[in-house]
Amino acid sequence: MSMASASRISFWQKLDFLPAIFQISFETLAAAIWWPLRGERAPRTFTRHILLSLMRKTFARLSTEQLQFIAGSTESNYIVWARAQKTPVQSIQISHLNTKAFWIGDDQADTVVLYFHGGGFAMPGSVAHFTLLSQLISSATQVERSVAALVLQYDLAPAEQYPRQLTQAVELLRYVITDLKKSPGQIVLGGDSAGGNLVFGVLSHILHPHPSITPLQLSTPLRAAFVSSPVARLTFTAERFRLNEIFEPSPVSTLKEWVANFLGTSEKDGWNEPWQNDVEWWNGLTDVVKGILITVATDEVMADDIQAMASKITTAYPELTLFSSKNDFHAEPGIGVAVGLEESESTQFIKSWLVQRLL
């Protein structure tokens, strides 16, 4: 069964949810009691501290199969969101890949955002991702620009492994150009965390075709690309990962498991680990995309790797903007909105940057 749909789990895995709930609740309560003693080594508000603790405890306690079971699929979450918004359920299908993408907004809009969701290649697109994109589209309408989004439902690991997800992302872009007749100048790429990794994978494929994916040549550059906390490197052994884990929604042990599931028998390469590419790799990027925005949380465990990657790209490509927030956590634009947090600094910056790119 494709992991685009929800996972099936055994009776014993279902039974395990009860003790898991007690353990997660107890450990989160302990984190709440510890809060007054936090010092500077903790998220900036009690709400964020509890939220991040709850997510870390949940990811650490439950198996990937259990998490996928309760998370549903990108499609099921899209349907929930669409019904709540009283908007029609609309999708496209890339038949030869058995791959879907879901519309947010008017499918006849002048500009289309192709969005690749985060979740460690293990979790589906969430209601929060659809809400975020709806907000971005609303911002664009304020300057009288018609924008829609297509959210890719890529297959999840470990059922499907690299380069399957990159193939699906590249083929969605090809579909929008070839079948929907959109020029590259009408297309924006977007993604958070693992989805940000896919954005750079697609850009890299255009520059240097992946040996197992059909090359894609653009007639003109893409309009823009924005990524939030992209997974730039697939190694999590630096001391920073231990020291700053408290600022993260996922424990480092889970990140390591998800990456191993994603890679399978494949090696790290220039398409799945953009951090490793030298400056020359990015030569010619000005012919691929008109502008790139990367947002990063200063305290997140991946910040050093993201900044190192951005520095190399900027040397070859001056149209890159790097926005760092001291107050946000990893991929907060695609997570915070789900739990009622105030709009993050990164989200605000993405909105204003994207609107400027649409003018």
Protein backbone atom coordinates (compact mmCIF):
# COMPACT_ATOMS: atom_id res chain seq x y z
CA MET A 1 0.00 0.00 0.00
CA SER A 2 1.30 3.45 -0.89
CA MET A 3 2.02 5.58 2.12
CA ALA A 4 0.25 8.49 0.45
CA SER A 5 -2.63 6.97 2.41
CA ALA A 6 -2.79 6.26 6.12
CA SER A 7 -0.76 3.43 7.58
CA ARG A 8 -2.25 0.19 8.85
CA ILE A 9 -1.09 -1.02 12.23
CA SER A 10 -1.49 -4.21 14.23
CA PHE A 11 -3.91 -4.80 17.08
CA TRP A 12 -1.02 -4.66 19.56
CA GLN A 13 0.15 -1.32 18.16
CA LYS A 14 -3.37 0.04 18.64
CA LEU A 15 -3.48 -1.34 22.18
CA ASP A 16 -0.18 0.42 22.87
CA PHE A 17 -1.81 3.83 22.43
CA LEU A 18 -3.29 3.71 25.94
CA PRO A 19 -0.01 3.37 27.88
CA ALA A 20 1.59 5.76 25.39
CA ILE A 21 -0.97 8.46 26.23
CA PHE A 22 -0.25 8.08 29.95
CA GLN A 23 3.51 8.21 29.43
CA ILE A 24 3.40 11.22 27.08
CA SER A 25 1.04 13.07 29.45
CA PHE A 26 3.24 12.36 32.49
CA GLU A 27 6.44 13.48 30.73
CA THR A 28 4.77 16.63 29.40
CA LEU A 29 3.51 17.46 32.90
CA ALA A 30 7.05 17.02 34.21
CA ALA A 31 8.26 19.44 31.52
CA ALA A 32 5.63 21.96 32.64
CA ILE A 33 6.79 21.71 36.27
CA TRP A 34 10.38 22.23 35.13
CA TRP A 35 9.51 25.42 33.21
CA PRO A 36 10.26 27.94 36.02
CA LEU A 37 13.81 26.56 36.24
CA ARG A 38 14.45 26.81 32.51
CA GLY A 39 16.87 29.73 32.42
CA GLU A 40 17.76 30.73 28.87
CA ARG A 41 17.88 27.17 27.53
CA ALA A 42 14.21 26.87 26.63
CA PRO A 43 11.60 28.27 24.24
CA ARG A 44 10.58 31.83 25.00
CA THR A 45 7.02 31.20 26.25
CA PHE A 46 5.36 28.58 28.43
CA THR A 47 2.91 27.73 25.63
CA ARG A 48 5.71 27.03 23.17
CA HIS A 49 7.64 25.04 25.75
CA ILE A 50 4.64 22.77 26.44
CA LEU A 51 3.74 22.46 22.75
CA LEU A 52 7.26 21.47 21.71
CA SER A 53 7.64 19.12 24.70
CA LEU A 54 4.36 17.39 23.83
CA MET A 55 5.38 16.93 20.20
CA ARG A 56 8.86 15.61 21.11
CA LYS A 57 7.44 13.16 23.65
CA THR A 58 4.86 11.93 21.13
CA PHE A 59 7.38 11.44 18.33
CA ALA A 60 9.80 9.69 20.71
CA ARG A 61 7.19 7.34 22.21
CA LEU A 62 5.22 6.25 19.16
CA SER A 63 6.54 4.28 16.19
CA THR A 64 6.51 5.75 12.69
CA GLU A 65 3.66 3.35 11.82
CA GLN A 66 1.61 4.54 14.79
CA LEU A 67 2.28 8.18 13.96
CA GLN A 68 1.25 7.66 10.34
CA PHE A 69 -1.91 5.87 11.49
CA ILE A 70 -3.10 8.79 13.59
CA ALA A 71 -1.86 11.48 11.16
CA GLY A 72 -3.93 10.20 8.24
CA SER A 73 -2.91 11.19 4.74
CA THR A 74 -2.34 14.48 2.95
CA GLU A 75 -5.57 13.82 1.05
CA SER A 76 -7.68 13.07 4.13
CA ASN A 77 -6.33 16.16 5.89
CA TYR A 78 -7.01 18.28 2.80
CA ILE A 79 -10.61 17.06 2.71
CA VAL A 80 -11.05 17.93 6.40
CA TRP A 81 -9.64 21.40 5.77
CA ALA A 82 -11.71 22.00 2.61
CA ARG A 83 -14.95 20.97 4.29
CA ALA A 84 -14.23 23.21 7.28
CA GLN A 85 -13.61 26.11 4.89
CA LYS A 86 -16.64 25.17 2.77
CA THR A 87 -14.46 25.14 -0.34
CA PRO A 88 -14.64 22.53 -3.11
CA VAL A 89 -12.28 19.54 -3.03
CA GLN A 90 -10.14 19.79 -6.17
CA SER A 91 -7.14 17.75 -7.19
CA ILE A 92 -4.97 16.84 -10.15
CA GLN A 93 -3.48 13.43 -10.84
CA ILE A 94 -0.18 12.57 -12.46
CA SER A 95 -1.39 9.26 -13.80
CA HIS A 96 1.89 7.54 -14.67
CA LEU A 97 3.15 8.15 -11.11
CA ASN A 98 -0.15 7.50 -9.33
CA THR A 99 0.41 10.85 -7.63
CA LYS A 100 -2.06 13.55 -6.59
CA ALA A 101 -1.83 17.23 -5.73
CA PHE A 102 -4.56 19.33 -4.15
CA TRP A 103 -5.76 22.81 -5.04
CA ILE A 104 -6.09 25.70 -2.64
CA GLY A 105 -7.71 28.68 -4.33
CA ASP A 106 -8.77 29.20 -7.94
CA ASP A 107 -7.16 26.69 -10.29
CA GLN A 108 -7.28 29.38 -13.00
CA ALA A 109 -5.14 31.81 -11.00
CA ASP A 110 -2.30 33.63 -12.73
CA THR A 111 0.34 32.34 -10.28
CA VAL A 112 0.58 28.82 -8.85
CA VAL A 113 2.54 27.89 -5.73
CA LEU A 114 3.73 24.28 -5.86
CA TYR A 115 4.05 23.34 -2.22
CA PHE A 116 5.98 20.43 -0.72
CA HIS A 117 5.03 19.83 2.92
CA GLY A 118 7.41 18.97 5.75
CA GLY A 119 7.32 16.07 8.19
CA GLY A 120 10.61 14.25 7.79
CA PHE A 121 9.37 12.42 4.66
CA ALA A 122 7.36 10.37 7.18
CA MET A 123 4.39 12.60 8.08
CA PRO A 124 1.65 13.76 5.68
CA GLY A 125 0.65 17.30 4.82
CA SER A 126 -1.46 18.70 7.65
CA VAL A 127 -4.41 21.03 8.04
CA ALA A 128 -1.85 23.63 9.19
CA HIS A 129 -0.09 23.52 5.81
CA PHE A 130 -3.36 24.19 3.98
CA THR A 131 -4.23 26.99 6.40
CA LEU A 132 -0.81 28.60 5.91
CA LEU A 133 -1.14 28.52 2.13
CA SER A 134 -4.66 29.93 2.31
CA GLN A 135 -3.27 32.84 4.33
CA LEU A 136 -0.50 33.42 1.79
CA ILE A 137 -3.06 33.47 -1.02
CA SER A 138 -5.19 35.97 0.91
CA SER A 139 -2.15 38.24 1.27
CA ALA A 140 -1.67 38.19 -2.50
CA THR A 141 -5.28 39.15 -3.20
CA GLN A 142 -4.72 42.32 -1.17
CA VAL A 143 -2.43 43.52 -3.95
CA GLU A 144 -4.86 42.29 -6.60
CA ARG A 145 -2.85 39.26 -7.63
CA SER A 146 -4.57 35.92 -8.21
CA VAL A 147 -2.62 33.08 -6.64
CA ALA A 148 -3.47 29.44 -6.02
CA ALA A 149 -1.50 26.56 -4.52
CA LEU A 150 -1.04 22.93 -5.45
CA VAL A 151 0.03 20.77 -2.51
CA LEU A 152 1.86 17.62 -3.57
CA GLN A 153 0.95 14.33 -1.92
CA TYR A 154 4.30 12.61 -2.14
CA ASP A 155 4.70 9.05 -0.91
CA LEU A 156 5.99 8.62 2.62
CA ALA A 157 8.94 6.64 3.94
CA PRO A 158 9.65 3.88 4.71
CA ALA A 159 7.08 2.47 2.25
CA GLU A 160 8.62 4.59 -0.51
CA GLN A 161 12.19 5.86 -0.45
CA TYR A 162 14.48 8.30 -2.21
CA PRO A 163 14.41 9.29 -5.05
CA ARG A 164 10.66 8.58 -5.34
CA GLN A 165 9.67 11.81 -3.53
CA LEU A 166 12.02 13.95 -5.65
CA THR A 167 10.66 12.32 -8.80
CA GLN A 168 7.11 13.22 -7.74
CA ALA A 169 8.12 16.84 -7.05
CA VAL A 170 9.88 17.23 -10.40
CA GLU A 171 6.96 15.65 -12.24
CA LEU A 172 4.45 17.97 -10.58
CA LEU A 173 6.42 20.93 -11.92
CA ARG A 174 6.57 19.32 -15.34
CA TYR A 175 2.79 18.66 -15.24
CA VAL A 176 1.98 22.28 -14.39
CA ILE A 177 4.14 23.52 -17.27
CA THR A 178 3.14 20.90 -19.85
CA ASP A 179 -0.46 20.01 -19.01
CA LEU A 180 -1.70 23.16 -17.26
CA LYS A 181 0.21 25.36 -19.72
CA LYS A 182 1.72 27.60 -17.05
CA SER A 183 4.94 29.36 -17.93
CA PRO A 184 7.76 29.02 -15.37
CA GLY A 185 7.34 32.73 -14.65
CA GLN A 186 3.87 31.94 -13.26
CA ILE A 187 5.19 29.29 -10.86
CA VAL A 188 6.47 29.59 -7.29
CA LEU A 189 8.02 26.68 -5.39
CA GLY A 190 7.48 26.45 -1.64
CA GLY A 191 8.23 24.02 1.16
CA ASP A 192 9.04 23.57 4.82
CA SER A 193 11.59 21.25 6.45
CA ALA A 194 11.67 18.06 4.34
CA GLY A 195 9.59 19.91 1.75
CA GLY A 196 12.26 22.62 1.64
CA ASN A 197 14.76 19.86 0.95
CA LEU A 198 12.62 18.85 -2.05
CA VAL A 199 12.57 22.43 -3.32
CA PHE A 200 16.36 22.47 -3.46
CA GLY A 201 16.29 18.98 -4.95
CA VAL A 202 14.09 20.22 -7.80
CA LEU A 203 16.28 23.28 -8.40
CA SER A 204 19.36 21.04 -8.39
CA HIS A 205 17.71 18.64 -10.85
CA ILE A 206 17.07 21.49 -13.27
CA LEU A 207 20.74 22.48 -13.02
CA HIS A 208 22.15 18.94 -12.88
CA PRO A 209 19.65 16.24 -13.96
CA HIS A 210 19.38 13.38 -11.51
CA PRO A 211 20.45 10.17 -13.28
CA SER A 212 17.14 8.41 -12.57
CA ILE A 213 14.78 11.33 -13.30
CA THR A 214 13.96 12.75 -16.74
CA PRO A 215 15.69 16.14 -17.23
CA LEU A 216 13.55 19.27 -17.05
CA GLN A 217 14.50 22.37 -18.99
CA LEU A 218 12.83 25.72 -18.37
CA SER A 219 12.09 28.29 -21.06
CA THR A 220 12.29 31.11 -18.49
CA PRO A 221 13.14 31.21 -14.77
CA LEU A 222 10.60 30.28 -12.12
CA ARG A 223 9.04 33.29 -10.43
CA ALA A 224 10.31 32.52 -6.93
CA ALA A 225 10.98 29.86 -4.31
CA PHE A 226 10.49 30.11 -0.54
CA VAL A 227 11.48 27.55 2.08
CA SER A 228 11.11 27.40 5.84
CA SER A 229 13.78 25.55 7.83
CA PRO A 230 14.86 23.32 4.92
CA VAL A 231 16.58 20.04 5.74
CA ALA A 232 19.96 20.92 4.27
CA ARG A 233 22.05 18.10 5.72
CA LEU A 234 21.17 14.51 6.58
CA THR A 235 23.64 14.09 9.45
CA PHE A 236 22.60 15.01 12.99
CA THR A 237 25.68 14.37 15.11
CA ALA A 238 26.98 17.88 15.85
CA GLU A 239 26.94 18.98 19.49
CA ARG A 240 24.31 21.57 18.59
CA PHE A 241 21.76 18.80 18.04
CA ARG A 242 22.07 17.72 21.69
CA LEU A 243 22.22 21.21 23.17
CA ASN A 244 19.34 22.73 21.21
CA GLU A 245 16.94 19.78 21.05
CA ILE A 246 14.70 21.54 23.58
CA PHE A 247 13.80 24.10 20.91
CA GLU A 248 12.63 21.41 18.48
CA PRO A 249 9.27 19.78 17.67
CA SER A 250 11.04 16.44 16.92
CA PRO A 251 13.69 14.66 18.99
CA VAL A 252 16.99 14.03 17.22
CA SER A 253 16.49 10.26 17.54
CA THR A 254 13.31 10.55 15.47
CA LEU A 255 15.02 12.73 12.85
CA LYS A 256 17.73 10.09 12.46
CA GLU A 257 15.15 7.32 12.05
CA TRP A 258 13.13 9.29 9.50
CA VAL A 259 16.19 10.13 7.40
CA ALA A 260 17.35 6.49 7.46
CA ASN A 261 13.87 5.42 6.33
CA PHE A 262 13.89 8.04 3.59
CA LEU A 263 17.32 7.11 2.21
CA GLY A 264 16.89 3.34 2.43
CA THR A 265 19.75 1.87 0.43
CA SER A 266 20.57 5.17 -1.32
CA GLU A 267 23.58 7.31 -0.49
CA LYS A 268 23.58 11.00 0.34
CA ASP A 269 24.07 13.06 -2.81
CA GLY A 270 23.82 16.58 -4.18
CA TRP A 271 20.06 16.30 -4.71
CA ASN A 272 19.04 14.99 -1.28
CA GLU A 273 21.68 16.87 0.75
CA PRO A 274 22.08 20.39 -0.68
CA TRP A 275 24.46 21.37 2.14
CA GLN A 276 27.26 19.29 0.60
CA ASN A 277 27.28 21.07 -2.76
CA ASP A 278 30.06 23.54 -3.50
CA VAL A 279 29.56 27.03 -4.91
CA GLU A 280 30.02 25.83 -8.50
CA TRP A 281 27.03 23.48 -8.18
CA TRP A 282 24.76 26.54 -7.94
CA ASN A 283 26.17 28.36 -10.98
CA GLY A 284 23.35 29.08 -13.40
CA LEU A 285 20.69 29.32 -10.70
CA THR A 286 19.78 32.81 -11.95
CA ASP A 287 18.41 31.11 -15.08
CA VAL A 288 16.30 28.75 -12.97
CA VAL A 289 14.55 30.98 -10.42
CA LYS A 290 14.24 34.76 -10.01
CA GLY A 291 14.51 34.82 -6.23
CA ILE A 292 14.82 32.49 -3.24
CA LEU A 293 13.83 33.06 0.39
CA ILE A 294 15.06 30.87 3.23
CA THR A 295 13.66 31.39 6.73
CA VAL A 296 15.38 29.78 9.71
CA ALA A 297 14.93 29.80 13.48
CA THR A 298 18.15 30.94 15.14
CA ASP A 299 17.96 28.28 17.86
CA GLU A 300 16.91 25.29 15.76
CA VAL A 301 19.29 22.37 15.57
CA MET A 302 19.70 22.68 11.80
CA ALA A 303 20.45 26.42 11.77
CA ASP A 304 24.23 26.11 11.25
CA ASP A 305 23.79 23.72 8.32
CA ILE A 306 21.11 25.90 6.71
CA GLN A 307 23.25 29.02 7.06
CA ALA A 308 26.31 27.23 5.65
CA MET A 309 24.30 26.12 2.63
CA ALA A 310 22.84 29.59 2.15
CA SER A 311 26.30 31.14 2.26
CA LYS A 312 27.54 28.94 -0.59
CA ILE A 313 24.44 29.54 -2.69
CA THR A 314 24.66 33.31 -2.20
CA THR A 315 28.21 33.34 -3.57
CA ALA A 316 26.88 32.07 -6.91
CA TYR A 317 23.38 33.51 -6.66
CA PRO A 318 22.89 36.98 -5.15
CA GLU A 319 19.08 36.76 -5.31
CA LEU A 320 18.89 34.69 -2.11
CA THR A 321 17.36 36.21 1.02
CA LEU A 322 18.04 34.57 4.40
CA PHE A 323 15.72 35.58 7.25
CA SER A 324 16.59 34.44 10.78
CA SER A 325 14.18 34.62 13.70
CA LYS A 326 15.24 34.39 17.34
CA ASN A 327 11.65 33.80 18.43
CA ASP A 328 10.53 31.03 16.05
CA PHE A 329 11.12 27.28 16.16
CA HIS A 330 11.83 24.82 13.34
CA ALA A 331 9.36 25.17 10.44
CA GLU A 332 7.01 27.20 12.62
CA PRO A 333 5.00 28.64 9.68
CA GLY A 334 3.77 25.12 8.88
CA ILE A 335 3.26 24.03 12.50
CA GLY A 336 2.33 26.96 14.74
CA VAL A 337 -0.88 27.83 12.95
CA ALA A 338 -2.27 24.36 13.79
CA VAL A 339 -2.13 24.96 17.51
CA GLY A 340 -3.28 28.55 17.67
CA LEU A 341 0.06 30.28 18.13
CA GLU A 342 0.31 33.89 17.06
CA GLU A 343 1.56 34.42 13.53
CA SER A 344 5.29 33.77 13.50
CA GLU A 345 7.91 36.27 12.41
CA SER A 346 8.91 33.93 9.60
CA THR A 347 5.33 33.72 8.32
CA GLN A 348 5.05 37.51 8.32
CA PHE A 349 8.29 37.80 6.38
CA ILE A 350 7.27 35.12 3.86
CA LYS A 351 4.01 36.96 3.21
CA SER A 352 5.65 40.34 2.61
CA TRP A 353 8.47 38.84 0.52
CA LEU A 354 6.10 36.82 -1.62
CA VAL A 355 3.79 39.79 -2.22
CA GLN A 356 6.77 41.82 -3.42
CA ARG A 357 7.73 39.01 -5.81
CA LEU A 358 4.22 39.03 -7.28
CA LEU A 359 4.16 42.75 -8.08
